[in-house]
Amino acid sequence: MNFYLNYFKKEVNRIEDNEPIGIILCTEKDKTFAEFVMAGLSNKLFTSKYKLALPKPKELQNEIEQTVLRLKGKQ
């Protein structure tokens, strides 16, 4: 994920774009796996909710929009 985010940021994003985000959908929660996968990455990474089924596209869009608004409020 870090590779793709860095590539997109350097090669695809325009100056007026926000930094790219990546979403990883997992089938189960594994704290040890997540710890080692995310260790040493320079990008800001956030872990959030775990669900047993994928959300509907509209639900996912709403969740992303709410998260973006929440993060903008913290700046």
PDB file of N, CA and C in Angstrom:
ATOM      1  N   MET A   1       0.837  -1.191   0.000  1.00  0.00           N
ATOM      2  CA  MET A   1       0.000   0.000   0.000  1.00  0.00           C
ATOM      3  C   MET A   1       0.877   1.249   0.000  1.00  0.00           C
ATOM      4  N   ASN A   2       1.931   1.225   0.790  1.00  0.00           N
ATOM      5  CA  ASN A   2       2.817   2.380   0.872  1.00  0.00           C
ATOM      6  C   ASN A   2       3.403   2.720  -0.500  1.00  0.00           C
ATOM      7  N   PHE A   3       3.793   1.692  -1.249  1.00  0.00           N
ATOM      8  CA  PHE A   3       4.325   1.886  -2.595  1.00  0.00           C
ATOM      9  C   PHE A   3       3.311   2.618  -3.468  1.00  0.00           C
ATOM     10  N   TYR A   4       2.076   2.139  -3.475  1.00  0.00           N
ATOM     11  CA  TYR A   4       1.052   2.727  -4.334  1.00  0.00           C
ATOM     12  C   TYR A   4       0.700   4.154  -3.919  1.00  0.00           C
ATOM     13  N   LEU A   5       0.627   4.398  -2.635  1.00  0.00           N
ATOM     14  CA  LEU A   5       0.324   5.752  -2.167  1.00  0.00           C
ATOM     15  C   LEU A   5       1.434   6.721  -2.554  1.00  0.00           C
ATOM     16  N   ASN A   6       2.676   6.307  -2.381  1.00  0.00           N
ATOM     17  CA  ASN A   6       3.792   7.179  -2.753  1.00  0.00           C
ATOM     18  C   ASN A   6       3.857   7.407  -4.257  1.00  0.00           C
ATOM     19  N   TYR A   7       3.634   6.353  -5.039  1.00  0.00           N
ATOM     20  CA  TYR A   7       3.621   6.498  -6.496  1.00  0.00           C
ATOM     21  C   TYR A   7       2.523   7.463  -6.931  1.00  0.00           C
ATOM     22  N   PHE A   8       1.318   7.241  -6.404  1.00  0.00           N
ATOM     23  CA  PHE A   8       0.182   8.082  -6.791  1.00  0.00           C
ATOM     24  C   PHE A   8       0.440   9.540  -6.413  1.00  0.00           C
ATOM     25  N   LYS A   9       0.992   9.741  -5.217  1.00  0.00           N
ATOM     26  CA  LYS A   9       1.279  11.098  -4.742  1.00  0.00           C
ATOM     27  C   LYS A   9       2.274  11.805  -5.662  1.00  0.00           C
ATOM     28  N   LYS A  10       3.305  11.092  -6.112  1.00  0.00           N
ATOM     29  CA  LYS A  10       4.346  11.705  -6.928  1.00  0.00           C
ATOM     30  C   LYS A  10       3.975  11.794  -8.409  1.00  0.00           C
ATOM     31  N   GLU A  11       3.346  10.775  -8.961  1.00  0.00           N
ATOM     32  CA  GLU A  11       3.152  10.682 -10.399  1.00  0.00           C
ATOM     33  C   GLU A  11       1.759  11.077 -10.891  1.00  0.00           C
ATOM     34  N   VAL A  12       0.745  11.010 -10.036  1.00  0.00           N
ATOM     35  CA  VAL A  12      -0.627  11.213 -10.503  1.00  0.00           C
ATOM     36  C   VAL A  12      -1.274  12.463  -9.903  1.00  0.00           C
ATOM     37  N   ASN A  13      -1.075  12.680  -8.606  1.00  0.00           N
ATOM     38  CA  ASN A  13      -1.712  13.833  -7.947  1.00  0.00           C
ATOM     39  C   ASN A  13      -1.308  15.155  -8.602  1.00  0.00           C
ATOM     40  N   ARG A  14      -2.274  16.055  -8.639  1.00  0.00           N
ATOM     41  CA  ARG A  14      -1.991  17.422  -9.075  1.00  0.00           C
ATOM     42  C   ARG A  14      -1.740  18.257  -7.819  1.00  0.00           C
ATOM     43  N   ILE A  15      -1.185  19.440  -7.986  1.00  0.00           N
ATOM     44  CA  ILE A  15      -0.845  20.309  -6.850  1.00  0.00           C
ATOM     45  C   ILE A  15      -2.060  20.578  -5.974  1.00  0.00           C
ATOM     46  N   GLU A  16      -3.218  20.763  -6.590  1.00  0.00           N
ATOM     47  CA  GLU A  16      -4.425  21.112  -5.825  1.00  0.00           C
ATOM     48  C   GLU A  16      -5.100  19.906  -5.170  1.00  0.00           C
ATOM     49  N   ASP A  17      -4.619  18.696  -5.437  1.00  0.00           N
ATOM     50  CA  ASP A  17      -5.219  17.494  -4.853  1.00  0.00           C
ATOM     51  C   ASP A  17      -4.760  17.290  -3.412  1.00  0.00           C
ATOM     52  N   ASN A  18      -5.619  16.664  -2.630  1.00  0.00           N
ATOM     53  CA  ASN A  18      -5.228  16.205  -1.301  1.00  0.00           C
ATOM     54  C   ASN A  18      -4.339  14.979  -1.465  1.00  0.00           C
ATOM     55  N   GLU A  19      -3.642  14.610  -0.382  1.00  0.00           N
ATOM     56  CA  GLU A  19      -2.823  13.404  -0.436  1.00  0.00           C
ATOM     57  C   GLU A  19      -3.728  12.197  -0.653  1.00  0.00           C
ATOM     58  N   PRO A  20      -3.242  11.205  -1.390  1.00  0.00           N
ATOM     59  CA  PRO A  20      -4.054  10.006  -1.619  1.00  0.00           C
ATOM     60  C   PRO A  20      -4.225   9.203  -0.333  1.00  0.00           C
ATOM     61  N   ILE A  21      -5.299   8.436  -0.287  1.00  0.00           N
ATOM     62  CA  ILE A  21      -5.533   7.542   0.845  1.00  0.00           C
ATOM     63  C   ILE A  21      -5.669   6.124   0.314  1.00  0.00           C
ATOM     64  N   GLY A  22      -5.383   5.178   1.149  1.00  0.00           N
ATOM     65  CA  GLY A  22      -5.549   3.773   0.795  1.00  0.00           C
ATOM     66  C   GLY A  22      -6.471   3.107   1.786  1.00  0.00           C
ATOM     67  N   ILE A  23      -7.276   2.216   1.295  1.00  0.00           N
ATOM     68  CA  ILE A  23      -8.193   1.476   2.156  1.00  0.00           C
ATOM     69  C   ILE A  23      -7.875   0.000   1.991  1.00  0.00           C
ATOM     70  N   ILE A  24      -7.606  -0.668   3.087  1.00  0.00           N
ATOM     71  CA  ILE A  24      -7.340  -2.095   3.065  1.00  0.00           C
ATOM     72  C   ILE A  24      -8.517  -2.787   3.742  1.00  0.00           C
ATOM     73  N   LEU A  25      -9.155  -3.655   3.006  1.00  0.00           N
ATOM     74  CA  LEU A  25     -10.278  -4.417   3.543  1.00  0.00           C
ATOM     75  C   LEU A  25      -9.776  -5.797   3.933  1.00  0.00           C
ATOM     76  N   CYS A  26      -9.972  -6.163   5.204  1.00  0.00           N
ATOM     77  CA  CYS A  26      -9.487  -7.443   5.713  1.00  0.00           C
ATOM     78  C   CYS A  26     -10.657  -8.305   6.173  1.00  0.00           C
ATOM     79  N   THR A  27     -10.444  -9.598   6.167  1.00  0.00           N
ATOM     80  CA  THR A  27     -11.505 -10.510   6.603  1.00  0.00           C
ATOM     81  C   THR A  27     -11.469 -10.779   8.099  1.00  0.00           C
ATOM     82  N   GLU A  28     -10.347 -10.483   8.744  1.00  0.00           N
ATOM     83  CA  GLU A  28     -10.273 -10.702  10.183  1.00  0.00           C
ATOM     84  C   GLU A  28      -9.286  -9.728  10.822  1.00  0.00           C
ATOM     85  N   LYS A  29      -9.439  -9.541  12.118  1.00  0.00           N
ATOM     86  CA  LYS A  29      -8.575  -8.634  12.878  1.00  0.00           C
ATOM     87  C   LYS A  29      -7.371  -9.415  13.385  1.00  0.00           C
ATOM     88  N   ASP A  30      -6.187  -8.911  13.104  1.00  0.00           N
ATOM     89  CA  ASP A  30      -4.964  -9.552  13.566  1.00  0.00           C
ATOM     90  C   ASP A  30      -3.989  -8.459  13.968  1.00  0.00           C
ATOM     91  N   LYS A  31      -3.938  -8.137  15.260  1.00  0.00           N
ATOM     92  CA  LYS A  31      -3.139  -7.030  15.764  1.00  0.00           C
ATOM     93  C   LYS A  31      -1.645  -7.210  15.455  1.00  0.00           C
ATOM     94  N   THR A  32      -1.133  -8.407  15.613  1.00  0.00           N
ATOM     95  CA  THR A  32       0.294  -8.644  15.356  1.00  0.00           C
ATOM     96  C   THR A  32       0.619  -8.417  13.890  1.00  0.00           C
ATOM     97  N   PHE A  33      -0.196  -8.947  12.992  1.00  0.00           N
ATOM     98  CA  PHE A  33       0.024  -8.762  11.555  1.00  0.00           C
ATOM     99  C   PHE A  33       0.017  -7.282  11.211  1.00  0.00           C
ATOM    100  N   ALA A  34      -0.986  -6.549  11.694  1.00  0.00           N
ATOM    101  CA  ALA A  34      -1.097  -5.117  11.407  1.00  0.00           C
ATOM    102  C   ALA A  34       0.109  -4.354  11.943  1.00  0.00           C
ATOM    103  N   GLU A  35       0.579  -4.713  13.111  1.00  0.00           N
ATOM    104  CA  GLU A  35       1.735  -4.043  13.718  1.00  0.00           C
ATOM    105  C   GLU A  35       2.967  -4.151  12.823  1.00  0.00           C
ATOM    106  N   PHE A  36       3.249  -5.329  12.306  1.00  0.00           N
ATOM    107  CA  PHE A  36       4.441  -5.523  11.493  1.00  0.00           C
ATOM    108  C   PHE A  36       4.266  -4.989  10.075  1.00  0.00           C
ATOM    109  N   VAL A  37       3.073  -5.063   9.547  1.00  0.00           N
ATOM    110  CA  VAL A  37       2.828  -4.540   8.199  1.00  0.00           C
ATOM    111  C   VAL A  37       3.003  -3.027   8.176  1.00  0.00           C
ATOM    112  N   MET A  38       2.580  -2.340   9.224  1.00  0.00           N
ATOM    113  CA  MET A  38       2.592  -0.882   9.236  1.00  0.00           C
ATOM    114  C   MET A  38       3.867  -0.293   9.833  1.00  0.00           C
ATOM    115  N   ALA A  39       4.715  -1.103  10.419  1.00  0.00           N
ATOM    116  CA  ALA A  39       5.920  -0.597  11.070  1.00  0.00           C
ATOM    117  C   ALA A  39       6.854   0.074  10.065  1.00  0.00           C
ATOM    118  N   GLY A  40       7.352   1.237  10.427  1.00  0.00           N
ATOM    119  CA  GLY A  40       8.347   1.926   9.626  1.00  0.00           C
ATOM    120  C   GLY A  40       7.820   2.692   8.428  1.00  0.00           C
ATOM    121  N   LEU A  41       6.541   2.745   8.237  1.00  0.00           N
ATOM    122  CA  LEU A  41       5.993   3.486   7.105  1.00  0.00           C
ATOM    123  C   LEU A  41       5.923   4.969   7.446  1.00  0.00           C
ATOM    124  N   SER A  42       6.268   5.799   6.472  1.00  0.00           N
ATOM    125  CA  SER A  42       6.293   7.236   6.712  1.00  0.00           C
ATOM    126  C   SER A  42       4.915   7.879   6.562  1.00  0.00           C
ATOM    127  N   ASN A  43       4.017   7.242   5.835  1.00  0.00           N
ATOM    128  CA  ASN A  43       2.676   7.804   5.656  1.00  0.00           C
ATOM    129  C   ASN A  43       1.876   7.663   6.943  1.00  0.00           C
ATOM    130  N   LYS A  44       0.923   8.557   7.122  1.00  0.00           N
ATOM    131  CA  LYS A  44       0.018   8.456   8.252  1.00  0.00           C
ATOM    132  C   LYS A  44      -0.928   7.288   7.998  1.00  0.00           C
ATOM    133  N   LEU A  45      -1.005   6.390   8.955  1.00  0.00           N
ATOM    134  CA  LEU A  45      -1.885   5.239   8.825  1.00  0.00           C
ATOM    135  C   LEU A  45      -2.844   5.218   9.994  1.00  0.00           C
ATOM    136  N   PHE A  46      -4.063   4.883   9.686  1.00  0.00           N
ATOM    137  CA  PHE A  46      -5.084   4.808  10.711  1.00  0.00           C
ATOM    138  C   PHE A  46      -5.783   3.463  10.596  1.00  0.00           C
ATOM    139  N   THR A  47      -6.024   2.844  11.713  1.00  0.00           N
ATOM    140  CA  THR A  47      -6.812   1.624  11.700  1.00  0.00           C
ATOM    141  C   THR A  47      -8.152   1.956  12.325  1.00  0.00           C
ATOM    142  N   SER A  48      -9.166   1.276  11.854  1.00  0.00           N
ATOM    143  CA  SER A  48     -10.492   1.652  12.306  1.00  0.00           C
ATOM    144  C   SER A  48     -11.330   0.428  12.623  1.00  0.00           C
ATOM    145  N   LYS A  49     -12.461   0.335  12.006  1.00  0.00           N
ATOM    146  CA  LYS A  49     -13.463  -0.664  12.332  1.00  0.00           C
ATOM    147  C   LYS A  49     -13.230  -1.966  11.583  1.00  0.00           C
ATOM    148  N   TYR A  50     -13.648  -3.036  12.224  1.00  0.00           N
ATOM    149  CA  TYR A  50     -13.583  -4.342  11.604  1.00  0.00           C
ATOM    150  C   TYR A  50     -15.014  -4.826  11.405  1.00  0.00           C
ATOM    151  N   LYS A  51     -15.313  -5.290  10.228  1.00  0.00           N
ATOM    152  CA  LYS A  51     -16.655  -5.798   9.918  1.00  0.00           C
ATOM    153  C   LYS A  51     -16.522  -7.183   9.320  1.00  0.00           C
ATOM    154  N   LEU A  52     -17.538  -7.999   9.500  1.00  0.00           N
ATOM    155  CA  LEU A  52     -17.515  -9.345   8.970  1.00  0.00           C
ATOM    156  C   LEU A  52     -17.962  -9.416   7.519  1.00  0.00           C
ATOM    157  N   ALA A  53     -18.593  -8.369   7.022  1.00  0.00           N
ATOM    158  CA  ALA A  53     -19.050  -8.331   5.631  1.00  0.00           C
ATOM    159  C   ALA A  53     -18.714  -6.971   5.046  1.00  0.00           C
ATOM    160  N   LEU A  54     -18.477  -6.932   3.745  1.00  0.00           N
ATOM    161  CA  LEU A  54     -18.197  -5.661   3.087  1.00  0.00           C
ATOM    162  C   LEU A  54     -19.436  -4.772   3.107  1.00  0.00           C
ATOM    163  N   PRO A  55     -19.240  -3.475   3.332  1.00  0.00           N
ATOM    164  CA  PRO A  55     -20.393  -2.564   3.297  1.00  0.00           C
ATOM    165  C   PRO A  55     -20.845  -2.341   1.862  1.00  0.00           C
ATOM    166  N   LYS A  56     -22.064  -1.865   1.734  1.00  0.00           N
ATOM    167  CA  LYS A  56     -22.561  -1.480   0.414  1.00  0.00           C
ATOM    168  C   LYS A  56     -21.764  -0.264  -0.047  1.00  0.00           C
ATOM    169  N   PRO A  57     -21.619  -0.067  -1.361  1.00  0.00           N
ATOM    170  CA  PRO A  57     -20.817   1.059  -1.861  1.00  0.00           C
ATOM    171  C   PRO A  57     -21.225   2.409  -1.270  1.00  0.00           C
ATOM    172  N   LYS A  58     -22.499   2.668  -1.130  1.00  0.00           N
ATOM    173  CA  LYS A  58     -22.956   3.948  -0.584  1.00  0.00           C
ATOM    174  C   LYS A  58     -22.540   4.091   0.888  1.00  0.00           C
ATOM    175  N   GLU A  59     -22.619   3.002   1.651  1.00  0.00           N
ATOM    176  CA  GLU A  59     -22.194   3.044   3.056  1.00  0.00           C
ATOM    177  C   GLU A  59     -20.700   3.336   3.159  1.00  0.00           C
ATOM    178  N   LEU A  60     -19.902   2.720   2.295  1.00  0.00           N
ATOM    179  CA  LEU A  60     -18.464   2.960   2.286  1.00  0.00           C
ATOM    180  C   LEU A  60     -18.165   4.410   1.921  1.00  0.00           C
ATOM    181  N   GLN A  61     -18.861   4.926   0.923  1.00  0.00           N
ATOM    182  CA  GLN A  61     -18.676   6.328   0.526  1.00  0.00           C
ATOM    183  C   GLN A  61     -19.022   7.261   1.678  1.00  0.00           C
ATOM    184  N   ASN A  62     -20.120   7.013   2.372  1.00  0.00           N
ATOM    185  CA  ASN A  62     -20.517   7.848   3.508  1.00  0.00           C
ATOM    186  C   ASN A  62     -19.476   7.800   4.626  1.00  0.00           C
ATOM    187  N   GLU A  63     -18.955   6.610   4.898  1.00  0.00           N
ATOM    188  CA  GLU A  63     -17.946   6.456   5.955  1.00  0.00           C
ATOM    189  C   GLU A  63     -16.676   7.238   5.605  1.00  0.00           C
ATOM    190  N   ILE A  64     -16.255   7.156   4.352  1.00  0.00           N
ATOM    191  CA  ILE A  64     -15.062   7.886   3.913  1.00  0.00           C
ATOM    192  C   ILE A  64     -15.292   9.387   4.029  1.00  0.00           C
ATOM    193  N   GLU A  65     -16.448   9.852   3.576  1.00  0.00           N
ATOM    194  CA  GLU A  65     -16.743  11.289   3.637  1.00  0.00           C
ATOM    195  C   GLU A  65     -16.770  11.780   5.085  1.00  0.00           C
ATOM    196  N   GLN A  66     -17.362  11.004   5.987  1.00  0.00           N
ATOM    197  CA  GLN A  66     -17.408  11.401   7.398  1.00  0.00           C
ATOM    198  C   GLN A  66     -16.005  11.435   7.999  1.00  0.00           C
ATOM    199  N   THR A  67     -15.175  10.481   7.645  1.00  0.00           N
ATOM    200  CA  THR A  67     -13.804  10.448   8.150  1.00  0.00           C
ATOM    201  C   THR A  67     -13.008  11.651   7.649  1.00  0.00           C
ATOM    202  N   VAL A  68     -13.157  11.983   6.372  1.00  0.00           N
ATOM    203  CA  VAL A  68     -12.468  13.151   5.802  1.00  0.00           C
ATOM    204  C   VAL A  68     -12.901  14.407   6.527  1.00  0.00           C
ATOM    205  N   LEU A  69     -14.181  14.585   6.742  1.00  0.00           N
ATOM    206  CA  LEU A  69     -14.672  15.772   7.454  1.00  0.00           C
ATOM    207  C   LEU A  69     -14.136  15.831   8.873  1.00  0.00           C
ATOM    208  N   ARG A  70     -14.093  14.689   9.545  1.00  0.00           N
ATOM    209  CA  ARG A  70     -13.579  14.625  10.918  1.00  0.00           C
ATOM    210  C   ARG A  70     -12.095  14.997  10.931  1.00  0.00           C
ATOM    211  N   LEU A  71     -11.323  14.483   9.988  1.00  0.00           N
ATOM    212  CA  LEU A  71      -9.892  14.794   9.942  1.00  0.00           C
ATOM    213  C   LEU A  71      -9.637  16.244   9.588  1.00  0.00           C
ATOM    214  N   LYS A  72     -10.446  16.810   8.720  1.00  0.00           N
ATOM    215  CA  LYS A  72     -10.291  18.238   8.379  1.00  0.00           C
ATOM    216  C   LYS A  72     -10.560  19.109   9.588  1.00  0.00           C
ATOM    217  N   GLY A  73     -11.465  18.698  10.449  1.00  0.00           N
ATOM    218  CA  GLY A  73     -11.780  19.456  11.652  1.00  0.00           C
ATOM    219  C   GLY A  73     -10.656  19.454  12.667  1.00  0.00           C
ATOM    220  N   LYS A  74      -9.744  18.476  12.567  1.00  0.00           N
ATOM    221  CA  LYS A  74      -8.622  18.368  13.509  1.00  0.00           C
ATOM    222  C   LYS A  74      -7.404  19.139  13.060  1.00  0.00           C
ATOM    223  N   GLN A  75      -7.421  19.697  11.851  1.00  0.00           N
ATOM    224  CA  GLN A  75      -6.248  20.415  11.339  1.00  0.00           C
ATOM    225  C   GLN A  75      -6.144  21.791  11.911  1.00  0.00           C
TER     226      GLN A  75
END
